[in-house]
């Protein structure tokens, strides 16, 4: 078709026609809100590098969940913030660790009104801030898998709905699936961070979980962003080991990967709009460089358009409030 017979703007002149032709929408049900759970009572510590986000104690998590439900956000992702740490992350394998305690309390109050996803990794619980047990100056894959599996079993027994291992160890889905099935938790899904790049966009997150990570990156286990197709093997391996969905992290600068995964695999995709992406928007808005809400909505739609089914984002409450005011 050629101009002037074909005028593509005919479908843009009228607002209702534009809406009729839209095929991507953002709704509260698409959003997963990350929560940083800390020890103590009546605690709400501002995370300075994540404006508007806090480390909060379990009693305040309950209050936050009430607000989320009111906004029609029904999925949360929990991260632990602890005072005592060890060399291996075994401290997280106790039923009295912060996240199992939080899960039990949330389930007691809200039941099935909220879907609880628990991040499973050791970086929040190790003195060195790495994702697992250190041997020969590197994270030891197989010993770390044992800790992750034990941590997952404790979370399952506490009532968590979904296990989300974020460590990027080879075989961790297999270890976790086997221990869950052996203990009659075969119905609990595993949503691994199957595609997690060694990225500079994670900086603010380390502040959020009080990570002692001294700097640098995690290139020996997180993926190389200069590699275009490594994700295929990572996802294939996780699916073969029993993964039920995949998480891709970061999201905004990896929309091409989300799109390729959508084309290659018939599996639910969750995009993680990470801390550095969030902080850039907040910083630009503070300096009046952008219209914050317009940019947030555009970013969310780009992730859905690329192929994400759900989005983990620190913007979730802000988005849900915006949609509620618009009666969407």
Protein backbone atom coordinates (compact mmCIF):
# COMPACT_ATOMS: atom_id res chain seq x y z
CA UNK A 1 0.00 0.00 0.00
CA UNK A 2 1.23 3.47 -0.87
CA UNK A 3 0.50 7.04 0.14
CA UNK A 4 -1.92 8.76 -0.42
CA UNK A 5 -4.27 5.78 -0.70
CA UNK A 6 -2.86 4.48 2.53
CA UNK A 7 -2.67 6.98 5.40
CA UNK A 8 -1.59 5.29 8.64
CA UNK A 9 -2.54 8.36 10.63
CA UNK A 10 -6.23 7.64 9.99
CA UNK A 11 -6.09 5.31 12.98
CA UNK A 12 -4.54 8.01 15.19
CA UNK A 13 -6.67 11.12 14.65
CA UNK A 14 -9.44 10.04 17.00
CA UNK A 15 -8.87 9.15 20.68
CA UNK A 16 -11.47 6.37 20.70
CA UNK A 17 -10.04 4.87 17.51
CA UNK A 18 -6.56 4.97 19.07
CA UNK A 19 -7.87 3.13 22.11
CA UNK A 20 -9.66 0.62 19.90
CA UNK A 21 -6.39 -0.26 18.18
CA UNK A 22 -4.36 -0.64 21.37
CA UNK A 23 -3.22 -4.18 22.11
CA UNK A 24 -1.05 -3.58 25.21
CA UNK A 25 -2.45 -2.63 28.61
CA UNK A 26 -1.03 -2.33 32.11
CA UNK A 27 -3.25 -3.40 35.00
CA UNK A 28 -2.51 -3.86 38.73
CA UNK A 29 -2.71 -7.64 38.24
CA UNK A 30 0.36 -7.38 36.00
CA UNK A 31 2.51 -5.97 38.80
CA UNK A 32 4.61 -7.64 41.49
CA UNK A 33 5.77 -5.43 44.36
CA UNK A 34 9.17 -6.09 46.01
CA UNK A 35 9.28 -5.75 49.80
CA UNK A 36 12.40 -5.60 51.98
CA UNK A 37 11.56 -7.22 55.31
CA UNK A 38 13.76 -6.40 58.31
CA UNK A 39 13.87 -7.53 61.92
CA UNK A 40 12.30 -5.68 64.84
CA UNK A 41 8.98 -3.91 65.36
CA UNK A 42 7.57 -0.66 63.98
CA UNK A 43 10.61 -0.26 61.72
CA UNK A 44 10.47 1.75 58.50
CA UNK A 45 13.96 2.64 57.34
CA UNK A 46 14.24 4.76 54.22
CA UNK A 47 16.48 3.34 51.50
CA UNK A 48 18.25 6.48 50.36
CA UNK A 49 19.28 5.13 46.96
CA UNK A 50 15.71 3.87 46.34
CA UNK A 51 13.53 6.93 46.88
CA UNK A 52 10.15 5.95 48.28
CA UNK A 53 11.23 2.43 49.26
CA UNK A 54 11.91 1.19 52.78
CA UNK A 55 13.19 -1.66 54.89
CA UNK A 56 10.16 -2.53 57.01
CA UNK A 57 9.43 -4.85 59.93
CA UNK A 58 6.76 -7.53 59.70
CA UNK A 59 4.09 -5.46 61.46
CA UNK A 60 4.53 -2.72 58.86
CA UNK A 61 4.59 -5.30 56.06
CA UNK A 62 1.07 -6.25 57.15
CA UNK A 63 -0.05 -2.62 56.90
CA UNK A 64 1.59 -2.33 53.47
CA UNK A 65 -0.18 -5.48 52.27
CA UNK A 66 -3.53 -3.99 53.26
CA UNK A 67 -2.75 -1.01 51.02
CA UNK A 68 -1.65 -3.25 48.16
CA UNK A 69 -4.87 -5.25 48.28
CA UNK A 70 -6.87 -2.02 48.26
CA UNK A 71 -4.99 -1.07 45.08
CA UNK A 72 -5.69 -4.49 43.51
CA UNK A 73 -2.03 -5.51 43.66
CA UNK A 74 -2.09 -9.16 44.71
CA UNK A 75 1.50 -10.33 44.21
CA UNK A 76 4.55 -9.54 46.37
CA UNK A 77 8.22 -10.52 46.24
CA UNK A 78 9.98 -10.76 49.61
CA UNK A 79 13.64 -10.06 50.38
CA UNK A 80 15.21 -10.51 53.80
CA UNK A 81 17.27 -7.89 55.63
CA UNK A 82 19.05 -9.36 58.64
CA UNK A 83 21.46 -8.21 61.32
CA UNK A 84 23.33 -11.48 61.85
CA UNK A 85 25.02 -13.13 58.87
CA UNK A 86 27.33 -16.10 58.27
CA UNK A 87 29.76 -17.35 55.64
CA UNK A 88 27.35 -19.65 53.79
CA UNK A 89 23.83 -18.24 54.09
CA UNK A 90 22.76 -21.19 56.26
CA UNK A 91 21.23 -18.67 58.65
CA UNK A 92 18.36 -18.32 56.14
CA UNK A 93 17.61 -22.05 56.43
CA UNK A 94 15.93 -21.62 59.82
CA UNK A 95 12.17 -21.41 60.27
CA UNK A 96 12.88 -18.43 62.54
CA UNK A 97 14.67 -16.51 59.80
CA UNK A 98 13.02 -13.26 58.79
CA UNK A 99 11.27 -14.33 55.56
CA UNK A 100 9.67 -17.56 56.86
CA UNK A 101 8.35 -15.56 59.82
CA UNK A 102 6.99 -12.90 57.48
CA UNK A 103 5.35 -15.50 55.23
CA UNK A 104 3.56 -17.13 58.14
CA UNK A 105 2.23 -13.80 59.39
CA UNK A 106 1.07 -12.61 55.97
CA UNK A 107 -0.66 -15.92 55.26
CA UNK A 108 -2.28 -15.91 58.68
CA UNK A 109 -3.87 -12.51 58.04
CA UNK A 110 -4.49 -12.47 54.30
CA UNK A 111 -4.69 -16.11 53.27
CA UNK A 112 -4.96 -16.45 49.50
CA UNK A 113 -5.63 -12.75 48.90
CA UNK A 114 -1.91 -12.28 48.24
CA UNK A 115 0.48 -14.42 46.22
CA UNK A 116 3.79 -14.55 48.09
CA UNK A 117 6.96 -15.04 46.05
CA UNK A 118 10.17 -15.50 48.04
CA UNK A 119 13.51 -14.57 46.55
CA UNK A 120 15.98 -17.36 47.27
CA UNK A 121 19.63 -16.34 47.37
CA UNK A 122 22.36 -16.01 49.96
CA UNK A 123 23.73 -12.53 49.23
CA UNK A 124 21.51 -10.96 51.91
CA UNK A 125 22.66 -13.48 54.51
CA UNK A 126 26.42 -13.84 53.93
CA UNK A 127 29.09 -11.75 55.60
CA UNK A 128 30.89 -11.32 52.27
CA UNK A 129 27.75 -10.42 50.28
CA UNK A 130 28.24 -13.05 47.60
CA UNK A 131 25.48 -15.38 46.44
CA UNK A 132 26.82 -18.50 48.11
CA UNK A 133 29.66 -20.32 49.81
CA UNK A 134 33.13 -19.07 48.87
CA UNK A 135 35.80 -21.61 47.99
CA UNK A 136 39.08 -20.74 46.27
CA UNK A 137 37.97 -17.10 45.96
CA UNK A 138 34.84 -17.98 44.00
CA UNK A 139 31.25 -18.98 44.74
CA UNK A 140 31.14 -22.76 44.96
CA UNK A 141 28.26 -23.97 42.81
CA UNK A 142 27.28 -27.30 44.35
CA UNK A 143 27.60 -26.47 48.04
CA UNK A 144 25.58 -23.30 47.40
CA UNK A 145 22.85 -25.38 45.74
CA UNK A 146 22.44 -27.41 48.93
CA UNK A 147 21.92 -24.23 50.96
CA UNK A 148 19.43 -22.87 48.43
CA UNK A 149 17.47 -26.12 48.51
CA UNK A 150 17.32 -26.13 52.31
CA UNK A 151 16.26 -22.48 52.32
CA UNK A 152 13.51 -23.29 49.82
CA UNK A 153 12.21 -26.17 51.92
CA UNK A 154 11.90 -23.92 54.97
CA UNK A 155 10.04 -21.33 52.91
CA UNK A 156 7.69 -23.97 51.54
CA UNK A 157 6.90 -25.26 55.03
CA UNK A 158 6.16 -21.66 56.07
CA UNK A 159 3.46 -21.35 53.41
CA UNK A 160 5.14 -19.48 50.57
CA UNK A 161 3.38 -19.70 47.21
CA UNK A 162 6.34 -19.49 44.82
CA UNK A 163 10.10 -20.03 45.11
CA UNK A 164 12.25 -17.65 43.05
CA UNK A 165 15.96 -18.56 43.11
CA UNK A 166 18.03 -15.58 41.95
CA UNK A 167 21.57 -16.91 42.47
CA UNK A 168 22.38 -18.20 38.96
CA UNK A 169 23.99 -21.43 40.17
CA UNK A 170 23.94 -24.28 37.64
CA UNK A 171 21.46 -26.95 38.66
CA UNK A 172 19.77 -25.07 41.47
CA UNK A 173 16.28 -25.64 40.04
CA UNK A 174 16.96 -29.39 40.06
CA UNK A 175 18.13 -29.30 43.69
CA UNK A 176 15.13 -27.24 44.78
CA UNK A 177 12.57 -29.26 42.79
CA UNK A 178 13.86 -32.52 44.22
CA UNK A 179 13.77 -31.42 47.85
CA UNK A 180 10.31 -29.87 47.47
CA UNK A 181 8.87 -32.96 45.78
CA UNK A 182 10.49 -35.30 48.30
CA UNK A 183 8.74 -33.39 51.10
CA UNK A 184 5.31 -33.29 49.42
CA UNK A 185 5.56 -29.72 48.12
CA UNK A 186 5.27 -30.76 44.49
CA UNK A 187 2.54 -28.14 43.89
CA UNK A 188 4.79 -25.17 44.69
CA UNK A 189 6.06 -23.54 41.46
CA UNK A 190 9.65 -22.46 40.91
CA UNK A 191 10.18 -19.16 39.09
CA UNK A 192 13.96 -18.91 38.70
CA UNK A 193 15.82 -15.86 37.56
CA UNK A 194 16.79 -17.86 34.49
CA UNK A 195 18.21 -14.81 32.72
CA UNK A 196 20.14 -12.58 35.11
CA UNK A 197 22.93 -10.47 33.75
CA UNK A 198 26.00 -9.20 35.57
CA UNK A 199 24.76 -5.64 35.57
CA UNK A 200 25.62 -2.24 36.95
CA UNK A 201 21.90 -1.57 37.45
CA UNK A 202 21.79 -3.47 40.76
CA UNK A 203 23.64 -0.90 42.88
CA UNK A 204 20.71 0.50 44.89
CA UNK A 205 19.44 -3.01 45.64
CA UNK A 206 22.59 -3.80 47.59
CA UNK A 207 21.84 -0.86 49.85
CA UNK A 208 18.30 -2.16 50.28
CA UNK A 209 19.42 -5.53 51.66
CA UNK A 210 22.46 -4.19 53.55
CA UNK A 211 24.76 -6.30 51.40
CA UNK A 212 28.40 -6.28 52.47
CA UNK A 213 29.45 -6.87 48.87
CA UNK A 214 32.66 -4.85 48.60
CA UNK A 215 32.31 -3.90 44.95
CA UNK A 216 32.89 -5.28 41.50
CA UNK A 217 30.47 -7.63 39.79
CA UNK A 218 29.54 -11.28 39.76
CA UNK A 219 30.79 -12.32 36.34
CA UNK A 220 31.60 -15.92 37.27
CA UNK A 221 27.94 -16.82 37.73
CA UNK A 222 25.77 -13.98 36.40
CA UNK A 223 25.48 -13.70 32.64
CA UNK A 224 27.64 -11.67 30.25
CA UNK A 225 25.60 -8.86 28.64
CA UNK A 226 27.89 -9.02 25.60
CA UNK A 227 26.50 -12.47 24.77
CA UNK A 228 23.34 -12.47 22.64
CA UNK A 229 22.17 -16.10 22.85
CA UNK A 230 23.43 -17.55 26.13
CA UNK A 231 19.91 -17.12 27.50
CA UNK A 232 18.67 -20.05 25.38
CA UNK A 233 20.81 -22.60 27.21
CA UNK A 234 20.03 -21.06 30.59
CA UNK A 235 16.27 -21.27 30.07
CA UNK A 236 16.39 -24.72 28.50
CA UNK A 237 18.31 -26.04 31.47
CA UNK A 238 15.93 -24.50 34.02
CA UNK A 239 12.84 -25.77 32.20
CA UNK A 240 14.31 -29.26 31.95
CA UNK A 241 14.93 -29.19 35.70
CA UNK A 242 11.35 -28.21 36.53
CA UNK A 243 11.04 -24.41 36.26
CA UNK A 244 7.46 -23.19 35.78
CA UNK A 245 8.16 -19.61 34.60
CA UNK A 246 11.24 -17.47 34.04
CA UNK A 247 12.36 -14.14 35.43
CA UNK A 248 14.50 -11.83 33.29
CA UNK A 249 16.67 -9.24 35.00
CA UNK A 250 17.33 -6.37 34.29
CA UNK A 251 14.42 -5.49 32.02
CA UNK A 252 14.64 -2.06 30.44
CA UNK A 253 17.99 -2.49 28.69
CA UNK A 254 17.21 -6.13 27.88
CA UNK A 255 13.92 -5.80 26.04
CA UNK A 256 15.50 -7.61 23.09
CA UNK A 257 16.10 -10.64 25.31
CA UNK A 258 12.52 -10.59 26.60
CA UNK A 259 11.30 -10.51 23.01
CA UNK A 260 13.56 -13.38 21.95
CA UNK A 261 12.48 -15.48 24.92
CA UNK A 262 8.84 -14.86 23.99
CA UNK A 263 9.55 -16.14 20.48
CA UNK A 264 11.68 -19.11 21.54
CA UNK A 265 9.76 -20.51 24.53
CA UNK A 266 6.15 -21.13 25.49
CA UNK A 267 6.60 -20.12 29.13
CA UNK A 268 5.37 -17.26 31.34
CA UNK A 269 7.86 -14.38 31.44
CA UNK A 270 8.38 -12.03 34.37
CA UNK A 271 10.46 -8.91 33.77
CA UNK A 272 12.30 -7.37 36.72
CA UNK A 273 12.37 -3.56 36.47
CA UNK A 274 15.44 -3.31 38.72
CA UNK A 275 16.61 -0.78 41.29
CA UNK A 276 18.96 1.13 39.00
CA UNK A 277 16.27 1.57 36.37
CA UNK A 278 13.85 2.80 39.04
CA UNK A 279 16.40 5.21 40.52
CA UNK A 280 17.21 6.76 37.15
CA UNK A 281 13.56 7.65 36.65
CA UNK A 282 13.27 9.08 40.15
CA UNK A 283 16.43 11.14 39.76
CA UNK A 284 15.40 12.54 36.38
CA UNK A 285 11.95 13.41 37.71
CA UNK A 286 13.43 15.16 40.74
CA UNK A 287 15.44 17.36 38.39
CA UNK A 288 12.35 18.06 36.25
CA UNK A 289 13.91 16.43 33.21
CA UNK A 290 10.91 14.20 32.59
CA UNK A 291 7.23 13.77 33.40
CA UNK A 292 7.64 10.93 35.89
CA UNK A 293 4.30 9.17 35.52
CA UNK A 294 4.29 9.38 31.73
CA UNK A 295 7.77 7.85 31.59
CA UNK A 296 6.87 5.08 34.05
CA UNK A 297 3.79 4.11 32.05
CA UNK A 298 5.78 4.13 28.82
CA UNK A 299 8.47 1.90 30.35
CA UNK A 300 5.89 -0.58 31.65
CA UNK A 301 4.22 -0.80 28.26
CA UNK A 302 7.57 -1.38 26.58
CA UNK A 303 8.14 -4.41 28.79
CA UNK A 304 4.67 -5.82 28.11
CA UNK A 305 5.09 -5.11 24.40
CA UNK A 306 8.40 -7.00 24.39
CA UNK A 307 6.62 -10.05 25.80
CA UNK A 308 6.55 -9.84 29.60
CA UNK A 309 3.45 -11.33 31.23
CA UNK A 310 4.15 -9.74 34.62
CA UNK A 311 6.54 -7.08 35.89
CA UNK A 312 8.38 -6.84 39.19
CA UNK A 313 8.66 -3.12 39.84
CA UNK A 314 9.20 -0.66 42.68
CA UNK A 315 6.82 1.63 40.78
CA UNK A 316 3.89 -0.76 41.40
CA UNK A 317 2.07 1.28 44.06
CA UNK A 318 2.52 4.50 42.10
CA UNK A 319 1.17 2.85 38.95
CA UNK A 320 -1.81 1.29 40.75
CA UNK A 321 -2.73 4.63 42.35
CA UNK A 322 -2.52 6.31 38.95
CA UNK A 323 -4.77 3.65 37.38
CA UNK A 324 -7.23 3.84 40.26
CA UNK A 325 -7.55 7.61 39.83
CA UNK A 326 -8.20 7.03 36.13
CA UNK A 327 -10.79 4.35 36.97
CA UNK A 328 -8.87 1.80 34.91
